[in-house]
């Protein structure tokens, strides 16, 4: 039985709900709806659906809603589906969808992959990515277990995967660090500015310590503050993806 978690407060979703329900019926994937409200978050609705033994729980909406549902379903027996609305490209790439209709077709075909999920702090999980952001570069030390790096970092992005399903099953986090370069040389004298540069690492664990506390964002939600540890839970979530994905 399918259980759809939907935010009818989103005007775009409310506008296409009837069309979605017609397509669901024609595809044979009709189900019950859980409506997000101030009293029932996407996370709470997903947890409730698990206790009611729904076999497939589908998040309809943006990154925030999708990640909340994923967080509730980590290491459960149920399968997650996604119908992205106003979500970023990473979500579309994850399931191999190009549109709402295509996402419903993927649900109908029902190819299931078991993917990794990121974890931060004691009980916060993320399906796609989290970001550490500060107004200006902050002295930071990152411990990757086998080695450490330090510097004045302003933005740190930690992603579970990149642009294909296999990257969400490889046991690695992708860490992208935006850091300040030293102001030196002829470039600085002429342009009066310092370019940013990026460093990228692929690891399954990191601990981040900063001179002052920095917020960690999951979408628009602050889910932690530094110091924090980020790990990867291998094969922790069953997800419906496109049948066009091929095993290497």
C-alpha atoms as a PDB file:
ATOM      1  CA  UNK A   1       0.000   0.000   0.000  1.00  0.00           C
ATOM      2  CA  UNK A   2       1.293   3.443  -0.969  1.00  0.00           C
ATOM      3  CA  UNK A   3       1.264   6.334   1.483  1.00  0.00           C
ATOM      4  CA  UNK A   4       1.865   9.778  -0.008  1.00  0.00           C
ATOM      5  CA  UNK A   5       3.153  12.633   2.131  1.00  0.00           C
ATOM      6  CA  UNK A   6       2.101  15.944   0.614  1.00  0.00           C
ATOM      7  CA  UNK A   7       2.237  19.647   1.478  1.00  0.00           C
ATOM      8  CA  UNK A   8      -0.960  21.243   0.210  1.00  0.00           C
ATOM      9  CA  UNK A   9       0.250  24.548   1.616  1.00  0.00           C
ATOM     10  CA  UNK A  10       2.551  24.615  -1.406  1.00  0.00           C
ATOM     11  CA  UNK A  11       0.439  26.246  -4.132  1.00  0.00           C
ATOM     12  CA  UNK A  12       2.233  24.454  -6.948  1.00  0.00           C
ATOM     13  CA  UNK A  13       1.581  21.059  -5.365  1.00  0.00           C
ATOM     14  CA  UNK A  14      -2.044  21.903  -4.560  1.00  0.00           C
ATOM     15  CA  UNK A  15      -2.562  22.945  -8.188  1.00  0.00           C
ATOM     16  CA  UNK A  16      -1.435  19.601  -9.620  1.00  0.00           C
ATOM     17  CA  UNK A  17      -2.794  17.271  -6.907  1.00  0.00           C
ATOM     18  CA  UNK A  18      -5.883  16.268  -8.903  1.00  0.00           C
ATOM     19  CA  UNK A  19      -3.756  15.504 -11.955  1.00  0.00           C
ATOM     20  CA  UNK A  20      -1.373  13.454  -9.839  1.00  0.00           C
ATOM     21  CA  UNK A  21      -4.232  11.431  -8.353  1.00  0.00           C
ATOM     22  CA  UNK A  22      -5.616  10.676 -11.817  1.00  0.00           C
ATOM     23  CA  UNK A  23      -2.219   9.459 -12.982  1.00  0.00           C
ATOM     24  CA  UNK A  24      -1.761   7.395  -9.820  1.00  0.00           C
ATOM     25  CA  UNK A  25      -5.095   5.679 -10.441  1.00  0.00           C
ATOM     26  CA  UNK A  26      -4.273   4.985 -14.097  1.00  0.00           C
ATOM     27  CA  UNK A  27      -0.863   3.576 -13.136  1.00  0.00           C
ATOM     28  CA  UNK A  28      -2.288   1.397 -10.361  1.00  0.00           C
ATOM     29  CA  UNK A  29      -0.359   3.143  -7.582  1.00  0.00           C
ATOM     30  CA  UNK A  30      -3.175   4.879  -5.718  1.00  0.00           C
ATOM     31  CA  UNK A  31      -2.887   5.140  -1.965  1.00  0.00           C
ATOM     32  CA  UNK A  32      -3.577   7.169   1.125  1.00  0.00           C
ATOM     33  CA  UNK A  33      -2.442  10.753   1.669  1.00  0.00           C
ATOM     34  CA  UNK A  34      -0.821  12.266   4.717  1.00  0.00           C
ATOM     35  CA  UNK A  35      -1.085  16.045   4.696  1.00  0.00           C
ATOM     36  CA  UNK A  36       1.671  18.152   6.204  1.00  0.00           C
ATOM     37  CA  UNK A  37       0.455  20.731   8.722  1.00  0.00           C
ATOM     38  CA  UNK A  38       1.800  22.747  11.654  1.00  0.00           C
ATOM     39  CA  UNK A  39       0.865  19.752  13.840  1.00  0.00           C
ATOM     40  CA  UNK A  40       2.235  17.033  11.530  1.00  0.00           C
ATOM     41  CA  UNK A  41       5.616  17.408   9.840  1.00  0.00           C
ATOM     42  CA  UNK A  42       6.757  15.192   6.978  1.00  0.00           C
ATOM     43  CA  UNK A  43       8.996  13.357   9.441  1.00  0.00           C
ATOM     44  CA  UNK A  44       6.133  12.709  11.866  1.00  0.00           C
ATOM     45  CA  UNK A  45       3.807  11.540   9.079  1.00  0.00           C
ATOM     46  CA  UNK A  46       6.433   9.107   7.804  1.00  0.00           C
ATOM     47  CA  UNK A  47       7.029   7.711  11.305  1.00  0.00           C
ATOM     48  CA  UNK A  48       3.274   7.245  11.729  1.00  0.00           C
ATOM     49  CA  UNK A  49       3.013   5.488   8.367  1.00  0.00           C
ATOM     50  CA  UNK A  50       5.755   3.057   9.422  1.00  0.00           C
ATOM     51  CA  UNK A  51       3.812   2.105  12.556  1.00  0.00           C
ATOM     52  CA  UNK A  52       0.766   1.488  10.331  1.00  0.00           C
ATOM     53  CA  UNK A  53       2.802  -0.919   8.182  1.00  0.00           C
ATOM     54  CA  UNK A  54       2.669   0.918   4.864  1.00  0.00           C
ATOM     55  CA  UNK A  55       5.101  -0.806   2.516  1.00  0.00           C
ATOM     56  CA  UNK A  56       5.869   2.260   0.380  1.00  0.00           C
ATOM     57  CA  UNK A  57       6.057   5.843   1.639  1.00  0.00           C
ATOM     58  CA  UNK A  58       6.334   8.570  -0.994  1.00  0.00           C
ATOM     59  CA  UNK A  59       7.559  12.115  -0.372  1.00  0.00           C
ATOM     60  CA  UNK A  60       5.983  14.756  -2.626  1.00  0.00           C
ATOM     61  CA  UNK A  61       7.768  18.105  -2.530  1.00  0.00           C
ATOM     62  CA  UNK A  62      11.097  19.865  -2.170  1.00  0.00           C
ATOM     63  CA  UNK A  63      14.428  18.851  -0.652  1.00  0.00           C
ATOM     64  CA  UNK A  64      13.323  19.621   2.892  1.00  0.00           C
ATOM     65  CA  UNK A  65      10.273  17.362   2.752  1.00  0.00           C
ATOM     66  CA  UNK A  66      12.162  14.605   0.938  1.00  0.00           C
ATOM     67  CA  UNK A  67      15.002  14.621   3.459  1.00  0.00           C
ATOM     68  CA  UNK A  68      12.575  14.590   6.403  1.00  0.00           C
ATOM     69  CA  UNK A  69      10.850  11.491   5.051  1.00  0.00           C
ATOM     70  CA  UNK A  70      14.185   9.801   4.364  1.00  0.00           C
ATOM     71  CA  UNK A  71      15.325  10.577   7.907  1.00  0.00           C
ATOM     72  CA  UNK A  72      12.258   8.840   9.312  1.00  0.00           C
ATOM     73  CA  UNK A  73      12.762   5.760   7.137  1.00  0.00           C
ATOM     74  CA  UNK A  74      16.445   5.004   7.782  1.00  0.00           C
ATOM     75  CA  UNK A  75      16.996   1.268   8.430  1.00  0.00           C
ATOM     76  CA  UNK A  76      13.271   0.488   8.134  1.00  0.00           C
ATOM     77  CA  UNK A  77      11.700  -2.331   6.096  1.00  0.00           C
ATOM     78  CA  UNK A  78       9.579   0.088   4.045  1.00  0.00           C
ATOM     79  CA  UNK A  79      10.559   1.469   0.638  1.00  0.00           C
ATOM     80  CA  UNK A  80      10.746   5.188  -0.118  1.00  0.00           C
ATOM     81  CA  UNK A  81       9.482   6.855  -3.274  1.00  0.00           C
ATOM     82  CA  UNK A  82      10.010  10.448  -4.383  1.00  0.00           C
ATOM     83  CA  UNK A  83       7.938  12.828  -6.485  1.00  0.00           C
ATOM     84  CA  UNK A  84      10.137  15.943  -6.596  1.00  0.00           C
ATOM     85  CA  UNK A  85       8.404  19.329  -6.781  1.00  0.00           C
ATOM     86  CA  UNK A  86      10.711  22.379  -6.569  1.00  0.00           C
ATOM     87  CA  UNK A  87      13.568  20.063  -5.600  1.00  0.00           C
ATOM     88  CA  UNK A  88      17.122  20.585  -6.814  1.00  0.00           C
ATOM     89  CA  UNK A  89      18.867  18.615  -9.540  1.00  0.00           C
ATOM     90  CA  UNK A  90      20.550  16.260  -7.059  1.00  0.00           C
ATOM     91  CA  UNK A  91      17.145  14.790  -6.141  1.00  0.00           C
ATOM     92  CA  UNK A  92      16.129  14.357  -9.792  1.00  0.00           C
ATOM     93  CA  UNK A  93      19.474  12.727 -10.559  1.00  0.00           C
ATOM     94  CA  UNK A  94      19.161  10.419  -7.571  1.00  0.00           C
ATOM     95  CA  UNK A  95      15.946   8.775  -8.798  1.00  0.00           C
ATOM     96  CA  UNK A  96      16.521   9.411 -12.516  1.00  0.00           C
ATOM     97  CA  UNK A  97      13.379  11.528 -12.979  1.00  0.00           C
ATOM     98  CA  UNK A  98      12.825  14.477 -15.308  1.00  0.00           C
ATOM     99  CA  UNK A  99       9.293  15.545 -14.298  1.00  0.00           C
ATOM    100  CA  UNK A 100       6.376  14.810 -11.989  1.00  0.00           C
ATOM    101  CA  UNK A 101       4.820  12.436 -14.525  1.00  0.00           C
ATOM    102  CA  UNK A 102       8.139  10.673 -15.049  1.00  0.00           C
ATOM    103  CA  UNK A 103       8.518  10.265 -11.259  1.00  0.00           C
ATOM    104  CA  UNK A 104       5.111   8.560 -11.141  1.00  0.00           C
ATOM    105  CA  UNK A 105       6.152   6.263 -14.004  1.00  0.00           C
ATOM    106  CA  UNK A 106       9.238   5.350 -11.972  1.00  0.00           C
ATOM    107  CA  UNK A 107       7.021   4.495  -8.988  1.00  0.00           C
ATOM    108  CA  UNK A 108       4.907   2.260 -11.207  1.00  0.00           C
ATOM    109  CA  UNK A 109       7.957   0.406 -12.582  1.00  0.00           C
ATOM    110  CA  UNK A 110       9.196  -0.068  -9.008  1.00  0.00           C
ATOM    111  CA  UNK A 111      12.909  -0.724  -9.336  1.00  0.00           C
ATOM    112  CA  UNK A 112      14.363  -0.685  -5.805  1.00  0.00           C
ATOM    113  CA  UNK A 113      17.943   0.180  -4.896  1.00  0.00           C
ATOM    114  CA  UNK A 114      19.353   0.250  -1.371  1.00  0.00           C
ATOM    115  CA  UNK A 115      21.454   3.365  -0.873  1.00  0.00           C
ATOM    116  CA  UNK A 116      23.710   5.020   1.694  1.00  0.00           C
ATOM    117  CA  UNK A 117      22.450   7.732   4.054  1.00  0.00           C
ATOM    118  CA  UNK A 118      24.498  10.429   5.768  1.00  0.00           C
ATOM    119  CA  UNK A 119      24.334  10.926   9.536  1.00  0.00           C
ATOM    120  CA  UNK A 120      25.170  13.982  11.620  1.00  0.00           C
ATOM    121  CA  UNK A 121      25.006  14.167  15.406  1.00  0.00           C
ATOM    122  CA  UNK A 122      23.065  11.530  17.310  1.00  0.00           C
ATOM    123  CA  UNK A 123      19.823  11.241  15.392  1.00  0.00           C
ATOM    124  CA  UNK A 124      19.935  13.465  12.309  1.00  0.00           C
ATOM    125  CA  UNK A 125      20.193  11.892   8.855  1.00  0.00           C
ATOM    126  CA  UNK A 126      20.396  13.311   5.347  1.00  0.00           C
ATOM    127  CA  UNK A 127      19.601  11.787   1.993  1.00  0.00           C
ATOM    128  CA  UNK A 128      21.374  14.264  -0.247  1.00  0.00           C
ATOM    129  CA  UNK A 129      23.594  16.929   1.348  1.00  0.00           C
ATOM    130  CA  UNK A 130      24.257  19.245   4.263  1.00  0.00           C
ATOM    131  CA  UNK A 131      26.108  22.569   4.311  1.00  0.00           C
ATOM    132  CA  UNK A 132      28.129  24.479   6.898  1.00  0.00           C
ATOM    133  CA  UNK A 133      27.873  28.216   6.293  1.00  0.00           C
ATOM    134  CA  UNK A 134      29.371  31.257   7.970  1.00  0.00           C
ATOM    135  CA  UNK A 135      29.418  34.949   7.060  1.00  0.00           C
ATOM    136  CA  UNK A 136      33.195  34.978   6.755  1.00  0.00           C
ATOM    137  CA  UNK A 137      36.043  32.446   6.805  1.00  0.00           C
ATOM    138  CA  UNK A 138      36.428  30.759  10.194  1.00  0.00           C
ATOM    139  CA  UNK A 139      39.524  28.921  11.505  1.00  0.00           C
ATOM    140  CA  UNK A 140      38.577  25.267  11.072  1.00  0.00           C
ATOM    141  CA  UNK A 141      40.101  21.821  11.615  1.00  0.00           C
ATOM    142  CA  UNK A 142      38.667  18.764   9.838  1.00  0.00           C
ATOM    143  CA  UNK A 143      39.668  15.313  11.033  1.00  0.00           C
ATOM    144  CA  UNK A 144      39.205  12.511   8.470  1.00  0.00           C
ATOM    145  CA  UNK A 145      40.490   9.801  10.859  1.00  0.00           C
ATOM    146  CA  UNK A 146      43.618   9.054   8.812  1.00  0.00           C
ATOM    147  CA  UNK A 147      44.622  12.690   8.316  1.00  0.00           C
ATOM    148  CA  UNK A 148      43.639  16.233   9.300  1.00  0.00           C
ATOM    149  CA  UNK A 149      43.412  19.527   7.445  1.00  0.00           C
ATOM    150  CA  UNK A 150      43.032  23.068   8.721  1.00  0.00           C
ATOM    151  CA  UNK A 151      42.405  26.535   7.351  1.00  0.00           C
ATOM    152  CA  UNK A 152      40.053  29.490   7.197  1.00  0.00           C
ATOM    153  CA  UNK A 153      36.917  27.940   5.700  1.00  0.00           C
ATOM    154  CA  UNK A 154      33.647  29.730   4.908  1.00  0.00           C
ATOM    155  CA  UNK A 155      31.444  27.064   3.280  1.00  0.00           C
ATOM    156  CA  UNK A 156      31.659  23.284   3.553  1.00  0.00           C
ATOM    157  CA  UNK A 157      29.287  21.114   1.511  1.00  0.00           C
ATOM    158  CA  UNK A 158      28.954  17.428   2.411  1.00  0.00           C
ATOM    159  CA  UNK A 159      27.070  15.343  -0.155  1.00  0.00           C
ATOM    160  CA  UNK A 160      25.961  11.724  -0.043  1.00  0.00           C
ATOM    161  CA  UNK A 161      26.277  11.437  -3.826  1.00  0.00           C
ATOM    162  CA  UNK A 162      26.652  13.369  -7.054  1.00  0.00           C
ATOM    163  CA  UNK A 163      24.775  12.863 -10.300  1.00  0.00           C
ATOM    164  CA  UNK A 164      23.992   9.155 -10.534  1.00  0.00           C
ATOM    165  CA  UNK A 165      22.585   6.389  -8.361  1.00  0.00           C
ATOM    166  CA  UNK A 166      25.896   4.542  -8.043  1.00  0.00           C
ATOM    167  CA  UNK A 167      27.462   7.512  -6.228  1.00  0.00           C
ATOM    168  CA  UNK A 168      24.841   7.029  -3.487  1.00  0.00           C
ATOM    169  CA  UNK A 169      25.985   3.421  -3.007  1.00  0.00           C
ATOM    170  CA  UNK A 170      29.773   3.803  -2.933  1.00  0.00           C
ATOM    171  CA  UNK A 171      30.250   4.189   0.826  1.00  0.00           C
ATOM    172  CA  UNK A 172      31.757   7.678   0.462  1.00  0.00           C
ATOM    173  CA  UNK A 173      30.788  11.254   1.274  1.00  0.00           C
ATOM    174  CA  UNK A 174      31.883  14.040  -1.072  1.00  0.00           C
ATOM    175  CA  UNK A 175      33.248  16.994   0.916  1.00  0.00           C
ATOM    176  CA  UNK A 176      33.696  20.267  -0.946  1.00  0.00           C
ATOM    177  CA  UNK A 177      35.428  23.088   0.920  1.00  0.00           C
ATOM    178  CA  UNK A 178      35.388  26.736  -0.113  1.00  0.00           C
ATOM    179  CA  UNK A 179      38.358  28.431   1.521  1.00  0.00           C
ATOM    180  CA  UNK A 180      40.080  31.777   1.394  1.00  0.00           C
ATOM    181  CA  UNK A 181      43.377  32.015  -0.442  1.00  0.00           C
ATOM    182  CA  UNK A 182      46.119  34.250   0.822  1.00  0.00           C
ATOM    183  CA  UNK A 183      46.092  37.800  -0.477  1.00  0.00           C
ATOM    184  CA  UNK A 184      49.408  38.050  -2.210  1.00  0.00           C
ATOM    185  CA  UNK A 185      51.196  38.775  -5.447  1.00  0.00           C
ATOM    186  CA  UNK A 186      50.428  40.964  -8.434  1.00  0.00           C
ATOM    187  CA  UNK A 187      46.835  39.646  -8.710  1.00  0.00           C
ATOM    188  CA  UNK A 188      45.939  41.070  -5.291  1.00  0.00           C
ATOM    189  CA  UNK A 189      47.599  44.411  -6.011  1.00  0.00           C
ATOM    190  CA  UNK A 190      45.749  44.897  -9.291  1.00  0.00           C
ATOM    191  CA  UNK A 191      42.281  43.547  -8.532  1.00  0.00           C
ATOM    192  CA  UNK A 192      42.058  44.270  -4.785  1.00  0.00           C
ATOM    193  CA  UNK A 193      40.327  40.960  -4.207  1.00  0.00           C
ATOM    194  CA  UNK A 194      41.163  37.409  -3.306  1.00  0.00           C
ATOM    195  CA  UNK A 195      39.729  34.565  -5.368  1.00  0.00           C
ATOM    196  CA  UNK A 196      38.095  31.597  -3.666  1.00  0.00           C
ATOM    197  CA  UNK A 197      39.326  28.085  -4.268  1.00  0.00           C
ATOM    198  CA  UNK A 198      37.809  24.687  -3.621  1.00  0.00           C
ATOM    199  CA  UNK A 199      39.185  21.469  -2.195  1.00  0.00           C
ATOM    200  CA  UNK A 200      37.314  18.176  -2.607  1.00  0.00           C
ATOM    201  CA  UNK A 201      37.659  14.998  -0.538  1.00  0.00           C
ATOM    202  CA  UNK A 202      35.973  11.592  -0.664  1.00  0.00           C
ATOM    203  CA  UNK A 203      35.687  10.021   2.798  1.00  0.00           C
ATOM    204  CA  UNK A 204      33.224   8.066   4.959  1.00  0.00           C
ATOM    205  CA  UNK A 205      33.822  10.047   8.173  1.00  0.00           C
ATOM    206  CA  UNK A 206      34.805  13.533   9.265  1.00  0.00           C
ATOM    207  CA  UNK A 207      34.836  15.575  12.451  1.00  0.00           C
ATOM    208  CA  UNK A 208      34.646  19.355  12.127  1.00  0.00           C
ATOM    209  CA  UNK A 209      35.853  21.785  14.789  1.00  0.00           C
ATOM    210  CA  UNK A 210      35.697  25.559  14.383  1.00  0.00           C
ATOM    211  CA  UNK A 211      36.968  28.529  16.386  1.00  0.00           C
ATOM    212  CA  UNK A 212      33.371  29.638  16.891  1.00  0.00           C
ATOM    213  CA  UNK A 213      30.140  27.700  16.454  1.00  0.00           C
ATOM    214  CA  UNK A 214      28.947  27.379  12.845  1.00  0.00           C
ATOM    215  CA  UNK A 215      25.443  26.282  11.794  1.00  0.00           C
ATOM    216  CA  UNK A 216      24.920  23.086   9.801  1.00  0.00           C
ATOM    217  CA  UNK A 217      22.018  23.292   7.351  1.00  0.00           C
ATOM    218  CA  UNK A 218      19.864  20.564   5.852  1.00  0.00           C
ATOM    219  CA  UNK A 219      18.103  22.669   3.257  1.00  0.00           C
ATOM    220  CA  UNK A 220      16.815  25.664   5.220  1.00  0.00           C
ATOM    221  CA  UNK A 221      16.740  23.825   8.548  1.00  0.00           C
ATOM    222  CA  UNK A 222      19.588  24.101  11.065  1.00  0.00           C
ATOM    223  CA  UNK A 223      20.200  20.507  12.169  1.00  0.00           C
ATOM    224  CA  UNK A 224      23.449  20.873  14.118  1.00  0.00           C
ATOM    225  CA  UNK A 225      26.275  23.188  15.113  1.00  0.00           C
ATOM    226  CA  UNK A 226      30.000  22.664  15.209  1.00  0.00           C
ATOM    227  CA  UNK A 227      31.792  20.800  16.621  1.00  0.00           C
ATOM    228  CA  UNK A 228      30.103  17.891  14.848  1.00  0.00           C
ATOM    229  CA  UNK A 229      30.783  14.477  13.382  1.00  0.00           C
ATOM    230  CA  UNK A 230      29.463  13.263  10.040  1.00  0.00           C
ATOM    231  CA  UNK A 231      29.374   9.604   9.087  1.00  0.00           C
ATOM    232  CA  UNK A 232      27.858   7.416   6.396  1.00  0.00           C
ATOM    233  CA  UNK A 233      25.411   4.570   6.976  1.00  0.00           C
ATOM    234  CA  UNK A 234      25.934   2.070   4.154  1.00  0.00           C
ATOM    235  CA  UNK A 235      22.829   0.674   2.447  1.00  0.00           C
ATOM    236  CA  UNK A 236      20.431   2.180   4.990  1.00  0.00           C
ATOM    237  CA  UNK A 237      17.449   3.140   2.792  1.00  0.00           C
ATOM    238  CA  UNK A 238      15.417   1.319   0.139  1.00  0.00           C
ATOM    239  CA  UNK A 239      14.530   3.736  -2.657  1.00  0.00           C
ATOM    240  CA  UNK A 240      12.562   3.448  -5.906  1.00  0.00           C
ATOM    241  CA  UNK A 241      14.647   4.649  -8.865  1.00  0.00           C
ATOM    242  CA  UNK A 242      14.471   4.641 -12.657  1.00  0.00           C
ATOM    243  CA  UNK A 243      14.823   1.330 -14.483  1.00  0.00           C
ATOM    244  CA  UNK A 244      17.111   3.140 -16.926  1.00  0.00           C
ATOM    245  CA  UNK A 245      19.880   2.898 -14.336  1.00  0.00           C
ATOM    246  CA  UNK A 246      22.181   0.014 -15.172  1.00  0.00           C
ATOM    247  CA  UNK A 247      24.544  -1.785 -12.848  1.00  0.00           C
ATOM    248  CA  UNK A 248      28.181  -1.248 -13.893  1.00  0.00           C
END
